[in-house]
Amino acid sequence: MRCLLFPGQGVQKRGMGTDLFARHPEATALADEALGYSIEELCVRDPRRRLRDTRFAQPAVFFVNALMAREAPRADYLAGHSLGEYNALVAAGVLSLADGLALVARRAELMAGVTGGGMSAVQGVPAAFVRRALAETGVPNVHVANSNADTQTTIAGDRAELAVAAKAIAALPGARVVPLNVSGPFHTPLMAPAAERFRAVLAEQVFAPPTTPVVSSVTGALFDPADGADLLARQLAEPVEWVRVVHTLRALGVTEFDEVNGRTVTALVTRIH
């Protein structure tokens, strides 16, 4: 069986989706009207260098992913990493493209409003080692934000404490810590205020039954539309459980993983055993 994967924020780059917009004029016009700016200009030329800004990066990645999904072969399962989960839900019919875009735009605004934190990728050591180092170092405002692969974890939190944590983790044999160019401590309890504001937005959203099963990046289990508002609100302040997602998909019989918009999350799959 086959699963189609959707990457999240971080894959944005100028020129993405160049040939897609002309092939999907109605969807592109819908996005322009909803966002109040030209999505094609942002993605293809980015004259104001806005793709580095969470408020613009998230809608851009989401929309390009969505157009690519329209041209992808049908899959048996769908999953997305963080922001990419919204694409999985649109592809599954749980959300319409218009509703997904509106939610992503509001999500991006709320996430961008939480500043003063940072994120770093940790490679070369298991997540358990990272958690132990955080506990022993005494950095209460640094948390595991993404469990991406067996030996790739992302940590996030207060910038000053993050520097202390990074130094301690880098001392572990085989560990490498790389700061990420993001504006806030995403997927940690420090995002709780934004998550609660977003919960109020999600409470108004209707989630339809999926035509294709989606695996939640919060729980690593099948996405239940009845819990949709809670799951997507929690996603802002809880870790991305990508290792669990992949284990679940493999247990369901998935043997083939394809990805729209690059190979970022597919590469992670190959590092999960």
Protein backbone atom coordinates (compact mmCIF):
# COMPACT_ATOMS: atom_id res chain seq x y z
CA MET A 1 0.00 0.00 0.00
CA ARG A 2 1.01 3.58 -0.66
CA CYS A 3 1.04 6.71 1.50
CA LEU A 4 1.33 10.27 0.22
CA LEU A 5 3.30 12.54 2.56
CA PHE A 6 3.21 16.32 2.92
CA PRO A 7 6.11 18.38 4.30
CA GLY A 8 5.65 21.43 6.48
CA GLN A 9 7.29 24.78 7.02
CA GLY A 10 10.96 24.80 6.10
CA VAL A 11 10.66 23.53 2.53
CA GLN A 12 9.69 26.96 1.18
CA LYS A 13 11.97 28.41 -1.47
CA ARG A 14 11.64 31.05 -4.13
CA GLY A 15 10.48 29.53 -7.40
CA MET A 16 8.40 26.74 -5.88
CA GLY A 17 5.25 25.84 -7.78
CA THR A 18 6.27 27.86 -10.84
CA ASP A 19 4.37 25.74 -13.35
CA LEU A 20 1.41 24.95 -11.10
CA PHE A 21 -0.44 28.24 -10.84
CA ALA A 22 -1.33 28.50 -14.54
CA ARG A 23 -2.66 24.94 -14.48
CA HIS A 24 -4.92 25.70 -11.52
CA PRO A 25 -6.25 29.23 -12.15
CA GLU A 26 -9.46 28.90 -10.12
CA ALA A 27 -7.66 27.67 -7.02
CA THR A 28 -5.01 30.36 -7.43
CA ALA A 29 -7.67 33.07 -7.68
CA LEU A 30 -9.33 31.68 -4.56
CA ALA A 31 -6.03 31.88 -2.67
CA ASP A 32 -5.34 35.43 -3.84
CA GLU A 33 -8.75 36.58 -2.65
CA ALA A 34 -8.51 34.77 0.68
CA LEU A 35 -4.97 35.96 1.47
CA GLY A 36 -5.15 39.47 0.03
CA TYR A 37 -1.98 39.11 -2.05
CA SER A 38 -0.71 37.19 -5.06
CA ILE A 39 0.25 33.69 -3.97
CA GLU A 40 2.02 33.14 -7.30
CA GLU A 41 4.18 36.24 -6.87
CA LEU A 42 5.06 35.20 -3.31
CA CYS A 43 6.06 31.65 -4.27
CA VAL A 44 7.71 32.28 -7.62
CA ARG A 45 9.45 35.65 -7.20
CA ASP A 46 9.12 36.61 -3.51
CA PRO A 47 10.18 40.22 -4.24
CA ARG A 48 9.73 41.30 -0.60
CA ARG A 49 11.51 38.22 0.81
CA ARG A 50 8.45 37.20 2.77
CA LEU A 51 9.01 33.46 2.51
CA ARG A 52 11.27 33.74 5.58
CA ASP A 53 8.28 35.02 7.57
CA THR A 54 6.06 32.36 9.18
CA ARG A 55 2.94 34.38 8.32
CA PHE A 56 3.68 33.99 4.61
CA ALA A 57 5.71 30.78 4.56
CA GLN A 58 2.94 28.59 5.93
CA PRO A 59 0.21 29.61 3.44
CA ALA A 60 2.75 29.39 0.61
CA VAL A 61 3.88 25.86 1.48
CA PHE A 62 0.32 24.74 2.13
CA PHE A 63 -0.95 26.02 -1.21
CA VAL A 64 1.88 24.60 -3.30
CA ASN A 65 1.49 21.26 -1.52
CA ALA A 66 -2.25 21.36 -2.25
CA LEU A 67 -1.77 21.96 -5.97
CA MET A 68 0.83 19.21 -6.17
CA ALA A 69 -1.54 16.82 -4.41
CA ARG A 70 -4.15 17.43 -7.11
CA GLU A 71 -1.72 16.03 -9.67
CA ALA A 72 -0.46 13.12 -7.57
CA PRO A 73 -1.69 9.53 -7.97
CA ARG A 74 -4.29 8.38 -5.47
CA ALA A 75 -2.88 6.96 -2.22
CA ASP A 76 -4.20 4.50 0.34
CA TYR A 77 -3.16 6.69 3.28
CA LEU A 78 -2.19 10.31 3.86
CA ALA A 79 0.00 12.02 6.45
CA GLY A 80 1.66 15.39 6.91
CA HIS A 81 4.44 16.78 9.08
CA SER A 82 3.02 19.61 11.23
CA LEU A 83 1.66 22.14 8.70
CA GLY A 84 1.60 19.35 6.12
CA GLU A 85 -1.18 17.64 8.06
CA TYR A 86 -3.57 20.33 6.76
CA ASN A 87 -2.72 19.21 3.24
CA ALA A 88 -3.44 15.61 4.18
CA LEU A 89 -6.82 16.67 5.56
CA VAL A 90 -7.67 18.61 2.38
CA ALA A 91 -6.59 15.71 0.18
CA ALA A 92 -8.78 13.42 2.28
CA GLY A 93 -11.82 15.70 1.99
CA VAL A 94 -11.88 16.44 5.72
CA LEU A 95 -11.35 20.14 4.93
CA SER A 96 -12.06 22.09 1.76
CA LEU A 97 -9.17 23.94 0.14
CA ALA A 98 -10.75 27.27 1.15
CA ASP A 99 -11.22 26.22 4.77
CA GLY A 100 -7.75 24.72 4.94
CA LEU A 101 -6.18 27.90 3.60
CA ALA A 102 -8.13 30.08 6.05
CA LEU A 103 -7.08 27.91 8.99
CA VAL A 104 -3.45 27.85 7.91
CA ALA A 105 -3.35 31.64 7.49
CA ARG A 106 -4.76 32.16 10.99
CA ARG A 107 -2.47 29.47 12.42
CA ALA A 108 0.54 31.22 10.87
CA GLU A 109 -0.45 34.58 12.37
CA LEU A 110 -0.87 33.11 15.84
CA MET A 111 2.37 31.14 15.71
CA ALA A 112 4.30 34.16 14.46
CA GLY A 113 2.98 36.11 17.43
CA VAL A 114 4.94 33.93 19.87
CA THR A 115 8.49 35.24 19.74
CA GLY A 116 11.63 35.08 21.84
CA GLY A 117 12.21 31.38 21.36
CA GLY A 118 14.07 29.16 18.95
CA MET A 119 14.55 25.64 17.67
CA SER A 120 17.54 23.39 17.02
CA ALA A 121 17.85 20.06 15.23
CA VAL A 122 19.71 17.29 17.05
CA GLN A 123 21.22 14.53 14.93
CA GLY A 124 23.20 11.41 15.72
CA VAL A 125 21.69 10.36 19.06
CA PRO A 126 18.36 8.76 20.07
CA ALA A 127 15.55 10.94 21.43
CA ALA A 128 15.86 9.27 24.84
CA PHE A 129 19.41 10.63 25.16
CA VAL A 130 18.18 14.10 24.25
CA ARG A 131 15.40 13.99 26.85
CA ARG A 132 17.83 12.79 29.52
CA ALA A 133 20.26 15.61 28.69
CA LEU A 134 17.47 18.18 28.95
CA ALA A 135 16.40 16.81 32.34
CA GLU A 136 19.93 16.71 33.69
CA THR A 137 20.85 20.17 32.40
CA GLY A 138 17.95 21.84 34.17
CA VAL A 139 16.37 23.80 31.34
CA PRO A 140 12.63 23.79 32.13
CA ASN A 141 11.77 25.95 29.13
CA VAL A 142 13.36 23.68 26.52
CA HIS A 143 11.38 20.74 25.16
CA VAL A 144 11.45 18.06 22.48
CA ALA A 145 9.44 19.56 19.62
CA ASN A 146 9.77 16.93 16.88
CA SER A 147 10.57 13.24 17.01
CA ASN A 148 11.58 13.02 13.38
CA ALA A 149 13.64 9.83 13.12
CA ASP A 150 15.46 7.32 15.30
CA THR A 151 18.43 9.65 15.69
CA GLN A 152 16.96 13.00 14.67
CA THR A 153 15.09 15.16 17.16
CA THR A 154 14.20 18.83 17.26
CA ILE A 155 14.31 20.78 20.51
CA ALA A 156 12.75 24.18 21.09
CA GLY A 157 12.22 26.75 23.79
CA ASP A 158 13.59 29.88 25.41
CA ARG A 159 16.61 31.08 23.43
CA ALA A 160 18.96 31.47 26.39
CA GLU A 161 18.09 28.05 27.81
CA LEU A 162 18.23 26.55 24.32
CA ALA A 163 21.87 27.62 24.01
CA VAL A 164 22.67 25.90 27.31
CA ALA A 165 20.82 22.76 26.23
CA ALA A 166 22.53 22.72 22.84
CA LYS A 167 25.96 22.86 24.47
CA ALA A 168 25.14 19.96 26.80
CA ILE A 169 23.68 17.81 24.02
CA ALA A 170 26.57 18.56 21.64
CA ALA A 171 28.88 17.00 24.23
CA LEU A 172 27.19 13.61 23.75
CA PRO A 173 29.21 11.20 21.56
CA GLY A 174 28.03 11.44 17.96
CA ALA A 175 25.64 14.33 18.56
CA ARG A 176 25.37 17.33 16.26
CA VAL A 177 23.16 20.34 17.07
CA VAL A 178 22.10 22.74 14.32
CA PRO A 179 20.10 25.94 15.03
CA LEU A 180 17.01 26.36 12.83
CA ASN A 181 15.94 29.62 11.24
CA VAL A 182 12.49 29.93 12.81
CA SER A 183 10.82 32.70 14.79
CA GLY A 184 9.47 30.82 17.79
CA PRO A 185 9.47 27.72 20.02
CA PHE A 186 7.00 25.76 17.91
CA HIS A 187 5.41 22.54 19.21
CA THR A 188 6.23 23.24 22.86
CA PRO A 189 4.19 24.36 25.89
CA LEU A 190 5.47 27.89 25.24
CA MET A 191 3.00 27.95 22.33
CA ALA A 192 0.03 27.27 24.64
CA PRO A 193 -1.42 30.83 24.43
CA ALA A 194 -1.49 30.62 20.63
CA ALA A 195 -2.92 27.11 20.79
CA GLU A 196 -5.82 28.24 22.96
CA ARG A 197 -6.62 31.15 20.68
CA PHE A 198 -6.51 28.81 17.72
CA ARG A 199 -8.78 26.35 19.53
CA ALA A 200 -11.53 28.99 19.48
CA VAL A 201 -11.11 29.32 15.69
CA LEU A 202 -11.16 25.55 15.20
CA ALA A 203 -14.32 25.20 17.30
CA GLU A 204 -16.25 26.81 14.43
CA GLN A 205 -14.85 24.42 11.82
CA VAL A 206 -16.73 21.39 10.51
CA PHE A 207 -14.54 18.34 9.87
CA ALA A 208 -15.94 15.91 7.30
CA PRO A 209 -15.31 12.14 7.30
CA PRO A 210 -12.11 11.31 5.40
CA THR A 211 -12.31 9.64 2.00
CA THR A 212 -8.76 8.41 2.60
CA PRO A 213 -7.42 7.67 6.11
CA VAL A 214 -5.10 10.30 7.61
CA VAL A 215 -2.59 9.61 10.40
CA SER A 216 -2.35 12.39 13.00
CA SER A 217 1.07 13.92 13.63
CA VAL A 218 0.03 14.61 17.25
CA THR A 219 -1.00 11.10 18.30
CA GLY A 220 0.46 8.89 15.59
CA ALA A 221 -3.00 7.31 15.30
CA LEU A 222 -5.71 7.67 12.66
CA PHE A 223 -7.20 11.18 12.56
CA ASP A 224 -10.76 11.20 13.91
CA PRO A 225 -12.78 14.16 12.59
CA ALA A 226 -14.75 14.21 15.85
CA ASP A 227 -11.52 15.23 17.58
CA GLY A 228 -10.32 17.47 14.76
CA ALA A 229 -10.46 20.78 16.60
CA ASP A 230 -8.67 19.37 19.65
CA LEU A 231 -5.96 17.62 17.62
CA LEU A 232 -5.12 20.66 15.49
CA ALA A 233 -5.09 22.97 18.51
CA ARG A 234 -2.79 20.59 20.40
CA GLN A 235 -0.51 20.41 17.38
CA LEU A 236 0.80 23.93 18.08
CA ALA A 237 1.99 23.13 21.61
CA GLU A 238 2.76 19.39 21.47
CA PRO A 239 5.56 17.52 19.69
CA VAL A 240 5.32 16.27 16.13
CA GLU A 241 5.37 12.49 16.59
CA TRP A 242 6.69 11.57 13.15
CA VAL A 243 8.31 8.33 14.30
CA ARG A 244 4.93 7.16 15.61
CA VAL A 245 3.25 8.19 12.35
CA VAL A 246 5.61 6.05 10.30
CA HIS A 247 5.32 3.06 12.64
CA THR A 248 1.52 3.28 12.41
CA LEU A 249 1.56 3.47 8.62
CA ARG A 250 3.87 0.48 8.34
CA ALA A 251 1.65 -1.49 10.74
CA LEU A 252 -1.29 -0.66 8.44
CA GLY A 253 0.58 -2.24 5.55
CA VAL A 254 2.15 0.77 3.87
CA THR A 255 5.31 -0.16 2.00
CA GLU A 256 5.59 2.77 -0.42
CA PHE A 257 5.99 6.40 0.65
CA ASP A 258 5.71 9.27 -1.84
CA GLU A 259 5.98 12.97 -1.10
CA VAL A 260 4.87 16.19 -2.72
CA ASN A 261 7.19 19.21 -2.81
CA GLY A 262 10.54 17.52 -2.23
CA ARG A 263 11.96 14.62 -0.25
CA THR A 264 12.25 16.10 3.24
CA VAL A 265 9.92 13.79 5.17
CA THR A 266 10.56 10.80 2.91
CA ALA A 267 14.21 11.02 3.90
CA LEU A 268 13.14 10.81 7.54
CA VAL A 269 11.11 7.66 6.83
CA THR A 270 14.25 5.84 5.68
CA ARG A 271 15.83 6.60 9.07
CA ILE A 272 13.00 5.08 11.12
CA HIS A 273 13.30 1.37 11.91
